Structures are given as structure tokens and as C-alpha cells.
Amino acid sequence: RVLLHRPTNEKLLVLLPVGYPSKEAMVPDLKRKSLD
């Protein structure tokens, strides 16, 4: 917050690095819960 000169009423919640995936990008083979 200080580095980015944000006022004291602001608190960092989330940081998102954004871009295109690199050619060598890998992700874990995770499964999502079913509807039930």
C-alpha cells in the first residue's frame, strides 16, 4: 500500500498477475466437485 501510494483507508485483498500463458505452462490435473 505504501509502495503504491494508496491511502490508509485501503487494504490489499487480492493480487492478480495477468497475461497469456507461456508455451511451457503446466497446471495440476485437478477435478472439480460435482453438482450434487
PDB file of all heavy atoms in Angstrom:
ATOM      1  N   ARG A   1       0.836  -1.205   0.000  1.00  0.00           N
ATOM      2  CA  ARG A   1       0.000   0.000   0.000  1.00  0.00           C
ATOM      3  C   ARG A   1       0.870   1.254   0.000  1.00  0.00           C
ATOM      4  O   ARG A   1       0.616   2.204  -0.760  1.00  0.00           O
ATOM      5  CB  ARG A   1      -0.927   0.007   1.225  1.00  0.00           C
ATOM      6  CG  ARG A   1      -1.800   1.257   1.316  1.00  0.00           C
ATOM      7  CD  ARG A   1      -2.680   1.239   2.544  1.00  0.00           C
ATOM      8  NE  ARG A   1      -1.917   1.169   3.777  1.00  0.00           N
ATOM      9  CZ  ARG A   1      -1.277   2.204   4.312  1.00  0.00           C
ATOM     10  NH1 ARG A   1      -1.294   3.376   3.717  1.00  0.00           N
ATOM     11  NH2 ARG A   1      -0.611   2.064   5.429  1.00  0.00           N
ATOM     12  N   VAL A   2       1.899   1.251   0.817  1.00  0.00           N
ATOM     13  CA  VAL A   2       2.813   2.402   0.877  1.00  0.00           C
ATOM     14  C   VAL A   2       3.581   2.541  -0.436  1.00  0.00           C
ATOM     15  O   VAL A   2       3.734   3.644  -0.978  1.00  0.00           O
ATOM     16  CB  VAL A   2       3.789   2.255   2.067  1.00  0.00           C
ATOM     17  CG1 VAL A   2       4.866   3.334   2.011  1.00  0.00           C
ATOM     18  CG2 VAL A   2       3.028   2.332   3.387  1.00  0.00           C
ATOM     19  N   LEU A   3       4.066   1.418  -0.970  1.00  0.00           N
ATOM     20  CA  LEU A   3       4.819   1.439  -2.228  1.00  0.00           C
ATOM     21  C   LEU A   3       3.994   2.046  -3.354  1.00  0.00           C
ATOM     22  O   LEU A   3       4.510   2.819  -4.179  1.00  0.00           O
ATOM     23  CB  LEU A   3       5.246   0.016  -2.602  1.00  0.00           C
ATOM     24  CG  LEU A   3       5.963  -0.154  -3.946  1.00  0.00           C
ATOM     25  CD1 LEU A   3       7.332   0.519  -3.915  1.00  0.00           C
ATOM     26  CD2 LEU A   3       6.100  -1.639  -4.302  1.00  0.00           C
ATOM     27  N   LEU A   4       2.708   1.726  -3.381  1.00  0.00           N
ATOM     28  CA  LEU A   4       1.833   2.180  -4.457  1.00  0.00           C
ATOM     29  C   LEU A   4       1.114   3.484  -4.121  1.00  0.00           C
ATOM     30  O   LEU A   4       0.230   3.917  -4.865  1.00  0.00           O
ATOM     31  CB  LEU A   4       0.810   1.089  -4.785  1.00  0.00           C
ATOM     32  CG  LEU A   4       1.419  -0.213  -5.332  1.00  0.00           C
ATOM     33  CD1 LEU A   4       0.374  -1.315  -5.383  1.00  0.00           C
ATOM     34  CD2 LEU A   4       2.025   0.018  -6.713  1.00  0.00           C
ATOM     35  N   HIS A   5       1.473   4.086  -2.994  1.00  0.00           N
ATOM     36  CA  HIS A   5       0.936   5.394  -2.588  1.00  0.00           C
ATOM     37  C   HIS A   5      -0.588   5.367  -2.461  1.00  0.00           C
ATOM     38  O   HIS A   5      -1.277   6.303  -2.875  1.00  0.00           O
ATOM     39  CB  HIS A   5       1.362   6.492  -3.576  1.00  0.00           C
ATOM     40  CG  HIS A   5       2.840   6.576  -3.790  1.00  0.00           C
ATOM     41  ND1 HIS A   5       3.709   7.028  -2.814  1.00  0.00           N
ATOM     42  CD2 HIS A   5       3.616   6.256  -4.859  1.00  0.00           C
ATOM     43  CE1 HIS A   5       4.962   6.984  -3.280  1.00  0.00           C
ATOM     44  NE2 HIS A   5       4.923   6.513  -4.517  1.00  0.00           N
ATOM     45  N   ARG A   6      -1.095   4.291  -1.875  1.00  0.00           N
ATOM     46  CA  ARG A   6      -2.525   4.206  -1.635  1.00  0.00           C
ATOM     47  C   ARG A   6      -2.846   4.757  -0.252  1.00  0.00           C
ATOM     48  O   ARG A   6      -2.029   4.668   0.661  1.00  0.00           O
ATOM     49  CB  ARG A   6      -3.030   2.753  -1.748  1.00  0.00           C
ATOM     50  CG  ARG A   6      -2.782   2.079  -3.087  1.00  0.00           C
ATOM     51  CD  ARG A   6      -3.182   2.919  -4.261  1.00  0.00           C
ATOM     52  NE  ARG A   6      -4.565   3.401  -4.141  1.00  0.00           N
ATOM     53  CZ  ARG A   6      -5.043   4.471  -4.769  1.00  0.00           C
ATOM     54  NH1 ARG A   6      -4.239   5.200  -5.540  1.00  0.00           N
ATOM     55  NH2 ARG A   6      -6.300   4.822  -4.621  1.00  0.00           N
ATOM     56  N   PRO A   7      -4.026   5.342  -0.063  1.00  0.00           N
ATOM     57  CA  PRO A   7      -4.387   5.937   1.228  1.00  0.00           C
ATOM     58  C   PRO A   7      -4.631   4.868   2.302  1.00  0.00           C
ATOM     59  O   PRO A   7      -4.792   3.680   1.998  1.00  0.00           O
ATOM     60  CB  PRO A   7      -5.676   6.702   0.916  1.00  0.00           C
ATOM     61  CG  PRO A   7      -6.247   6.008  -0.282  1.00  0.00           C
ATOM     62  CD  PRO A   7      -5.074   5.534  -1.086  1.00  0.00           C
ATOM     63  N   THR A   8      -4.682   5.306   3.550  1.00  0.00           N
ATOM     64  CA  THR A   8      -4.778   4.370   4.672  1.00  0.00           C
ATOM     65  C   THR A   8      -6.133   3.687   4.781  1.00  0.00           C
ATOM     66  O   THR A   8      -6.266   2.697   5.500  1.00  0.00           O
ATOM     67  CB  THR A   8      -4.488   5.096   5.993  1.00  0.00           C
ATOM     68  OG1 THR A   8      -5.377   6.219   6.122  1.00  0.00           O
ATOM     69  CG2 THR A   8      -3.057   5.590   6.047  1.00  0.00           C
ATOM     70  N   ASN A   9      -7.136   4.190   4.087  1.00  0.00           N
ATOM     71  CA  ASN A   9      -8.448   3.529   4.134  1.00  0.00           C
ATOM     72  C   ASN A   9      -8.543   2.359   3.160  1.00  0.00           C
ATOM     73  O   ASN A   9      -9.573   1.704   3.076  1.00  0.00           O
ATOM     74  CB  ASN A   9      -9.573   4.526   3.830  1.00  0.00           C
ATOM     75  CG  ASN A   9      -9.519   5.041   2.398  1.00  0.00           C
ATOM     76  OD1 ASN A   9      -8.452   5.392   1.895  1.00  0.00           O
ATOM     77  ND2 ASN A   9     -10.661   5.094   1.735  1.00  0.00           N
ATOM     78  N   GLU A  10      -7.461   2.072   2.444  1.00  0.00           N
ATOM     79  CA  GLU A  10      -7.444   0.961   1.504  1.00  0.00           C
ATOM     80  C   GLU A  10      -6.555  -0.163   2.034  1.00  0.00           C
ATOM     81  O   GLU A  10      -5.453   0.084   2.531  1.00  0.00           O
ATOM     82  CB  GLU A  10      -6.945   1.406   0.128  1.00  0.00           C
ATOM     83  CG  GLU A  10      -7.872   2.406  -0.559  1.00  0.00           C
ATOM     84  CD  GLU A  10      -7.435   2.750  -1.969  1.00  0.00           C
ATOM     85  OE1 GLU A  10      -6.424   2.170  -2.457  1.00  0.00           O
ATOM     86  OE2 GLU A  10      -8.091   3.581  -2.600  1.00  0.00           O
ATOM     87  N   LYS A  11      -7.038  -1.397   1.897  1.00  0.00           N
ATOM     88  CA  LYS A  11      -6.277  -2.571   2.306  1.00  0.00           C
ATOM     89  C   LYS A  11      -6.259  -3.574   1.167  1.00  0.00           C
ATOM     90  O   LYS A  11      -7.286  -3.843   0.545  1.00  0.00           O
ATOM     91  CB  LYS A  11      -6.892  -3.208   3.558  1.00  0.00           C
ATOM     92  CG  LYS A  11      -6.754  -2.334   4.801  1.00  0.00           C
ATOM     93  CD  LYS A  11      -7.173  -3.092   6.049  1.00  0.00           C
ATOM     94  CE  LYS A  11      -6.964  -2.240   7.294  1.00  0.00           C
ATOM     95  NZ  LYS A  11      -7.272  -2.991   8.537  1.00  0.00           N
ATOM     96  N   LEU A  12      -5.083  -4.139   0.911  1.00  0.00           N
ATOM     97  CA  LEU A  12      -4.929  -5.081  -0.198  1.00  0.00           C
ATOM     98  C   LEU A  12      -5.706  -6.364   0.075  1.00  0.00           C
ATOM     99  O   LEU A  12      -5.571  -6.964   1.140  1.00  0.00           O
ATOM    100  CB  LEU A  12      -3.444  -5.403  -0.416  1.00  0.00           C
ATOM    101  CG  LEU A  12      -3.142  -6.381  -1.555  1.00  0.00           C
ATOM    102  CD1 LEU A  12      -3.553  -5.789  -2.900  1.00  0.00           C
ATOM    103  CD2 LEU A  12      -1.663  -6.748  -1.559  1.00  0.00           C
ATOM    104  N   LEU A  13      -6.497  -6.783  -0.897  1.00  0.00           N
ATOM    105  CA  LEU A  13      -7.265  -8.020  -0.764  1.00  0.00           C
ATOM    106  C   LEU A  13      -6.723  -9.119  -1.673  1.00  0.00           C
ATOM    107  O   LEU A  13      -6.493 -10.235  -1.232  1.00  0.00           O
ATOM    108  CB  LEU A  13      -8.740  -7.766  -1.090  1.00  0.00           C
ATOM    109  CG  LEU A  13      -9.705  -8.902  -0.767  1.00  0.00           C
ATOM    110  CD1 LEU A  13      -9.804  -9.104   0.738  1.00  0.00           C
ATOM    111  CD2 LEU A  13     -11.090  -8.628  -1.350  1.00  0.00           C
ATOM    112  N   VAL A  14      -6.507  -8.789  -2.948  1.00  0.00           N
ATOM    113  CA  VAL A  14      -6.087  -9.799  -3.932  1.00  0.00           C
ATOM    114  C   VAL A  14      -5.095  -9.183  -4.904  1.00  0.00           C
ATOM    115  O   VAL A  14      -5.193  -7.993  -5.229  1.00  0.00           O
ATOM    116  CB  VAL A  14      -7.307 -10.345  -4.715  1.00  0.00           C
ATOM    117  CG1 VAL A  14      -6.874 -11.240  -5.871  1.00  0.00           C
ATOM    118  CG2 VAL A  14      -8.248 -11.110  -3.787  1.00  0.00           C
ATOM    119  N   LEU A  15      -4.145  -9.997  -5.367  1.00  0.00           N
ATOM    120  CA  LEU A  15      -3.208  -9.580  -6.427  1.00  0.00           C
ATOM    121  C   LEU A  15      -3.316 -10.585  -7.566  1.00  0.00           C
ATOM    122  O   LEU A  15      -3.210 -11.790  -7.353  1.00  0.00           O
ATOM    123  CB  LEU A  15      -1.776  -9.520  -5.901  1.00  0.00           C
ATOM    124  CG  LEU A  15      -0.705  -8.963  -6.855  1.00  0.00           C
ATOM    125  CD1 LEU A  15       0.479  -8.403  -6.070  1.00  0.00           C
ATOM    126  CD2 LEU A  15      -0.192 -10.024  -7.831  1.00  0.00           C
ATOM    127  N   LEU A  16      -3.514 -10.067  -8.788  1.00  0.00           N
ATOM    128  CA  LEU A  16      -3.647 -10.923  -9.964  1.00  0.00           C
ATOM    129  C   LEU A  16      -2.562 -10.589 -10.992  1.00  0.00           C
ATOM    130  O   LEU A  16      -2.562  -9.491 -11.548  1.00  0.00           O
ATOM    131  CB  LEU A  16      -5.022 -10.738 -10.615  1.00  0.00           C
ATOM    132  CG  LEU A  16      -6.260 -11.049  -9.770  1.00  0.00           C
ATOM    133  CD1 LEU A  16      -7.525 -10.722 -10.574  1.00  0.00           C
ATOM    134  CD2 LEU A  16      -6.273 -12.488  -9.312  1.00  0.00           C
ATOM    135  N   PRO A  17      -1.628 -11.513 -11.257  1.00  0.00           N
ATOM    136  CA  PRO A  17      -0.736 -11.348 -12.404  1.00  0.00           C
ATOM    137  C   PRO A  17      -1.509 -11.754 -13.660  1.00  0.00           C
ATOM    138  O   PRO A  17      -2.140 -12.815 -13.681  1.00  0.00           O
ATOM    139  CB  PRO A  17       0.415 -12.317 -12.105  1.00  0.00           C
ATOM    140  CG  PRO A  17      -0.212 -13.367 -11.245  1.00  0.00           C
ATOM    141  CD  PRO A  17      -1.326 -12.718 -10.481  1.00  0.00           C
ATOM    142  N   VAL A  18      -1.472 -10.941 -14.683  1.00  0.00           N
ATOM    143  CA  VAL A  18      -2.346 -11.162 -15.843  1.00  0.00           C
ATOM    144  C   VAL A  18      -1.529 -11.196 -17.126  1.00  0.00           C
ATOM    145  O   VAL A  18      -0.626 -10.374 -17.331  1.00  0.00           O
ATOM    146  CB  VAL A  18      -3.420 -10.051 -15.928  1.00  0.00           C
ATOM    147  CG1 VAL A  18      -4.240 -10.197 -17.206  1.00  0.00           C
ATOM    148  CG2 VAL A  18      -4.329 -10.090 -14.703  1.00  0.00           C
ATOM    149  N   GLY A  19      -1.866 -12.135 -18.011  1.00  0.00           N
ATOM    150  CA  GLY A  19      -1.210 -12.203 -19.308  1.00  0.00           C
ATOM    151  C   GLY A  19      -1.659 -13.426 -20.069  1.00  0.00           C
ATOM    152  O   GLY A  19      -2.679 -14.046 -19.761  1.00  0.00           O
ATOM    153  N   TYR A  20      -0.855 -13.798 -21.080  1.00  0.00           N
ATOM    154  CA  TYR A  20      -1.087 -15.028 -21.817  1.00  0.00           C
ATOM    155  C   TYR A  20      -0.297 -16.154 -21.153  1.00  0.00           C
ATOM    156  O   TYR A  20       0.750 -15.905 -20.546  1.00  0.00           O
ATOM    157  CB  TYR A  20      -0.623 -14.885 -23.272  1.00  0.00           C
ATOM    158  CG  TYR A  20      -1.311 -13.794 -24.054  1.00  0.00           C
ATOM    159  CD1 TYR A  20      -0.668 -12.594 -24.332  1.00  0.00           C
ATOM    160  CD2 TYR A  20      -2.619 -13.970 -24.537  1.00  0.00           C
ATOM    161  CE1 TYR A  20      -1.293 -11.587 -25.057  1.00  0.00           C
ATOM    162  CE2 TYR A  20      -3.247 -12.973 -25.260  1.00  0.00           C
ATOM    163  CZ  TYR A  20      -2.581 -11.780 -25.510  1.00  0.00           C
ATOM    164  OH  TYR A  20      -3.207 -10.787 -26.226  1.00  0.00           O
ATOM    165  N   PRO A  21      -0.759 -17.393 -21.264  1.00  0.00           N
ATOM    166  CA  PRO A  21       0.037 -18.489 -20.697  1.00  0.00           C
ATOM    167  C   PRO A  21       1.325 -18.665 -21.488  1.00  0.00           C
ATOM    168  O   PRO A  21       1.342 -18.483 -22.711  1.00  0.00           O
ATOM    169  CB  PRO A  21      -0.884 -19.704 -20.845  1.00  0.00           C
ATOM    170  CG  PRO A  21      -1.790 -19.355 -21.981  1.00  0.00           C
ATOM    171  CD  PRO A  21      -2.000 -17.864 -21.899  1.00  0.00           C
ATOM    172  N   SER A  22       2.398 -19.003 -20.807  1.00  0.00           N
ATOM    173  CA  SER A  22       3.645 -19.284 -21.519  1.00  0.00           C
ATOM    174  C   SER A  22       3.515 -20.612 -22.248  1.00  0.00           C
ATOM    175  O   SER A  22       2.641 -21.429 -21.945  1.00  0.00           O
ATOM    176  CB  SER A  22       4.816 -19.341 -20.524  1.00  0.00           C
ATOM    177  OG  SER A  22       4.646 -20.448 -19.651  1.00  0.00           O
ATOM    178  N   LYS A  23       4.377 -20.834 -23.225  1.00  0.00           N
ATOM    179  CA  LYS A  23       4.298 -22.051 -24.030  1.00  0.00           C
ATOM    180  C   LYS A  23       4.511 -23.303 -23.183  1.00  0.00           C
ATOM    181  O   LYS A  23       3.982 -24.370 -23.497  1.00  0.00           O
ATOM    182  CB  LYS A  23       5.319 -21.993 -25.168  1.00  0.00           C
ATOM    183  CG  LYS A  23       5.009 -20.921 -26.211  1.00  0.00           C
ATOM    184  CD  LYS A  23       6.041 -20.911 -27.329  1.00  0.00           C
ATOM    185  CE  LYS A  23       5.715 -19.837 -28.367  1.00  0.00           C
ATOM    186  NZ  LYS A  23       6.720 -19.804 -29.457  1.00  0.00           N
ATOM    187  N   GLU A  24       5.302 -23.177 -22.110  1.00  0.00           N
ATOM    188  CA  GLU A  24       5.603 -24.335 -21.273  1.00  0.00           C
ATOM    189  C   GLU A  24       4.687 -24.429 -20.049  1.00  0.00           C
ATOM    190  O   GLU A  24       4.949 -25.191 -19.121  1.00  0.00           O
ATOM    191  CB  GLU A  24       7.062 -24.298 -20.809  1.00  0.00           C
ATOM    192  CG  GLU A  24       7.424 -23.134 -19.895  1.00  0.00           C
ATOM    193  CD  GLU A  24       7.797 -21.863 -20.652  1.00  0.00           C
ATOM    194  OE1 GLU A  24       7.608 -21.838 -21.887  1.00  0.00           O
ATOM    195  OE2 GLU A  24       8.283 -20.927 -19.999  1.00  0.00           O
ATOM    196  N   ALA A  25       3.591 -23.668 -20.055  1.00  0.00           N
ATOM    197  CA  ALA A  25       2.693 -23.636 -18.894  1.00  0.00           C
ATOM    198  C   ALA A  25       2.109 -25.022 -18.609  1.00  0.00           C
ATOM    199  O   ALA A  25       1.631 -25.713 -19.512  1.00  0.00           O
ATOM    200  CB  ALA A  25       1.568 -22.634 -19.127  1.00  0.00           C
ATOM    201  N   MET A  26       2.157 -25.411 -17.329  1.00  0.00           N
ATOM    202  CA  MET A  26       1.582 -26.670 -16.861  1.00  0.00           C
ATOM    203  C   MET A  26       0.645 -26.355 -15.692  1.00  0.00           C
ATOM    204  O   MET A  26       0.878 -25.416 -14.930  1.00  0.00           O
ATOM    205  CB  MET A  26       2.676 -27.628 -16.390  1.00  0.00           C
ATOM    206  CG  MET A  26       3.707 -27.989 -17.453  1.00  0.00           C
ATOM    207  SD  MET A  26       3.085 -29.210 -18.632  1.00  0.00           S
ATOM    208  CE  MET A  26       3.077 -30.668 -17.587  1.00  0.00           C
ATOM    209  N   VAL A  27      -0.423 -27.142 -15.574  1.00  0.00           N
ATOM    210  CA  VAL A  27      -1.348 -26.984 -14.448  1.00  0.00           C
ATOM    211  C   VAL A  27      -1.629 -28.356 -13.853  1.00  0.00           C
ATOM    212  O   VAL A  27      -1.596 -29.372 -14.563  1.00  0.00           O
ATOM    213  CB  VAL A  27      -2.682 -26.321 -14.880  1.00  0.00           C
ATOM    214  CG1 VAL A  27      -2.449 -24.896 -15.347  1.00  0.00           C
ATOM    215  CG2 VAL A  27      -3.380 -27.140 -15.950  1.00  0.00           C
ATOM    216  N   PRO A  28      -1.891 -28.423 -12.556  1.00  0.00           N
ATOM    217  CA  PRO A  28      -2.209 -29.716 -11.941  1.00  0.00           C
ATOM    218  C   PRO A  28      -3.542 -30.249 -12.463  1.00  0.00           C
ATOM    219  O   PRO A  28      -4.463 -29.480 -12.747  1.00  0.00           O
ATOM    220  CB  PRO A  28      -2.287 -29.391 -10.446  1.00  0.00           C
ATOM    221  CG  PRO A  28      -2.555 -27.927 -10.385  1.00  0.00           C
ATOM    222  CD  PRO A  28      -1.876 -27.325 -11.564  1.00  0.00           C
ATOM    223  N   ASP A  29      -3.623 -31.566 -12.607  1.00  0.00           N
ATOM    224  CA  ASP A  29      -4.830 -32.202 -13.134  1.00  0.00           C
ATOM    225  C   ASP A  29      -5.846 -32.366 -12.007  1.00  0.00           C
ATOM    226  O   ASP A  29      -6.097 -33.465 -11.505  1.00  0.00           O
ATOM    227  CB  ASP A  29      -4.480 -33.561 -13.749  1.00  0.00           C
ATOM    228  CG  ASP A  29      -5.669 -34.182 -14.470  1.00  0.00           C
ATOM    229  OD1 ASP A  29      -6.624 -33.436 -14.783  1.00  0.00           O
ATOM    230  OD2 ASP A  29      -5.640 -35.407 -14.707  1.00  0.00           O
ATOM    231  N   LEU A  30      -6.468 -31.255 -11.629  1.00  0.00           N
ATOM    232  CA  LEU A  30      -7.426 -31.245 -10.531  1.00  0.00           C
ATOM    233  C   LEU A  30      -8.841 -31.474 -11.052  1.00  0.00           C
ATOM    234  O   LEU A  30      -9.164 -31.099 -12.172  1.00  0.00           O
ATOM    235  CB  LEU A  30      -7.363 -29.911  -9.781  1.00  0.00           C
ATOM    236  CG  LEU A  30      -6.003 -29.530  -9.174  1.00  0.00           C
ATOM    237  CD1 LEU A  30      -6.083 -28.139  -8.549  1.00  0.00           C
ATOM    238  CD2 LEU A  30      -5.557 -30.547  -8.140  1.00  0.00           C
ATOM    239  N   LYS A  31      -9.672 -32.090 -10.246  1.00  0.00           N
ATOM    240  CA  LYS A  31     -11.069 -32.312 -10.593  1.00  0.00           C
ATOM    241  C   LYS A  31     -11.955 -31.445  -9.700  1.00  0.00           C
ATOM    242  O   LYS A  31     -11.678 -31.268  -8.516  1.00  0.00           O
ATOM    243  CB  LYS A  31     -11.448 -33.790 -10.412  1.00  0.00           C
ATOM    244  CG  LYS A  31     -10.523 -34.759 -11.143  1.00  0.00           C
ATOM    245  CD  LYS A  31     -10.511 -34.505 -12.655  1.00  0.00           C
ATOM    246  CE  LYS A  31      -9.563 -35.499 -13.342  1.00  0.00           C
ATOM    247  NZ  LYS A  31      -9.428 -35.221 -14.793  1.00  0.00           N
ATOM    248  N   ARG A  32     -13.015 -30.895 -10.284  1.00  0.00           N
ATOM    249  CA  ARG A  32     -13.945 -30.074  -9.508  1.00  0.00           C
ATOM    250  C   ARG A  32     -15.071 -30.940  -8.941  1.00  0.00           C
ATOM    251  O   ARG A  32     -15.408 -31.993  -9.491  1.00  0.00           O
ATOM    252  CB  ARG A  32     -14.519 -28.951 -10.380  1.00  0.00           C
ATOM    253  CG  ARG A  32     -13.473 -27.905 -10.770  1.00  0.00           C
ATOM    254  CD  ARG A  32     -14.107 -26.710 -11.457  1.00  0.00           C
ATOM    255  NE  ARG A  32     -13.152 -25.611 -11.522  1.00  0.00           N
ATOM    256  CZ  ARG A  32     -12.403 -25.315 -12.594  1.00  0.00           C
ATOM    257  NH1 ARG A  32     -12.512 -26.048 -13.675  1.00  0.00           N
ATOM    258  NH2 ARG A  32     -11.561 -24.303 -12.563  1.00  0.00           N
ATOM    259  N   LYS A  33     -15.645 -30.476  -7.851  1.00  0.00           N
ATOM    260  CA  LYS A  33     -16.753 -31.201  -7.236  1.00  0.00           C
ATOM    261  C   LYS A  33     -17.942 -31.260  -8.185  1.00  0.00           C
ATOM    262  O   LYS A  33     -18.193 -30.329  -8.953  1.00  0.00           O
ATOM    263  CB  LYS A  33     -17.170 -30.522  -5.930  1.00  0.00           C
ATOM    264  CG  LYS A  33     -16.131 -30.618  -4.826  1.00  0.00           C
ATOM    265  CD  LYS A  33     -16.634 -29.955  -3.549  1.00  0.00           C
ATOM    266  CE  LYS A  33     -15.621 -30.085  -2.428  1.00  0.00           C
ATOM    267  NZ  LYS A  33     -16.117 -29.436  -1.170  1.00  0.00           N
ATOM    268  N   SER A  34     -18.684 -32.343  -8.122  1.00  0.00           N
ATOM    269  CA  SER A  34     -19.881 -32.491  -8.945  1.00  0.00           C
ATOM    270  C   SER A  34     -21.013 -31.655  -8.378  1.00  0.00           C
ATOM    271  O   SER A  34     -20.961 -31.175  -7.236  1.00  0.00           O
ATOM    272  CB  SER A  34     -20.304 -33.963  -9.006  1.00  0.00           C
ATOM    273  OG  SER A  34     -20.613 -34.438  -7.699  1.00  0.00           O
ATOM    274  N   LEU A  35     -22.064 -31.485  -9.171  1.00  0.00           N
ATOM    275  CA  LEU A  35     -23.181 -30.641  -8.769  1.00  0.00           C
ATOM    276  C   LEU A  35     -23.823 -31.115  -7.470  1.00  0.00           C
ATOM    277  O   LEU A  35     -24.161 -30.321  -6.592  1.00  0.00           O
ATOM    278  CB  LEU A  35     -24.229 -30.595  -9.874  1.00  0.00           C
ATOM    279  CG  LEU A  35     -25.455 -29.706  -9.614  1.00  0.00           C
ATOM    280  CD1 LEU A  35     -25.040 -28.250  -9.453  1.00  0.00           C
ATOM    281  CD2 LEU A  35     -26.473 -29.861 -10.741  1.00  0.00           C
ATOM    282  N   ASP A  36     -23.972 -32.443  -7.323  1.00  0.00           N
ATOM    283  CA  ASP A  36     -24.617 -32.948  -6.108  1.00  0.00           C
ATOM    284  C   ASP A  36     -23.762 -32.765  -4.859  1.00  0.00           C
ATOM    285  O   ASP A  36     -24.263 -32.922  -3.743  1.00  0.00           O
ATOM    286  CB  ASP A  36     -25.008 -34.423  -6.271  1.00  0.00           C
ATOM    287  CG  ASP A  36     -23.809 -35.334  -6.504  1.00  0.00           C
ATOM    288  OD1 ASP A  36     -22.716 -34.804  -6.779  1.00  0.00           O
ATOM    289  OD2 ASP A  36     -23.973 -36.552  -6.399  1.00  0.00           O
TER     290      ASP A  36
END
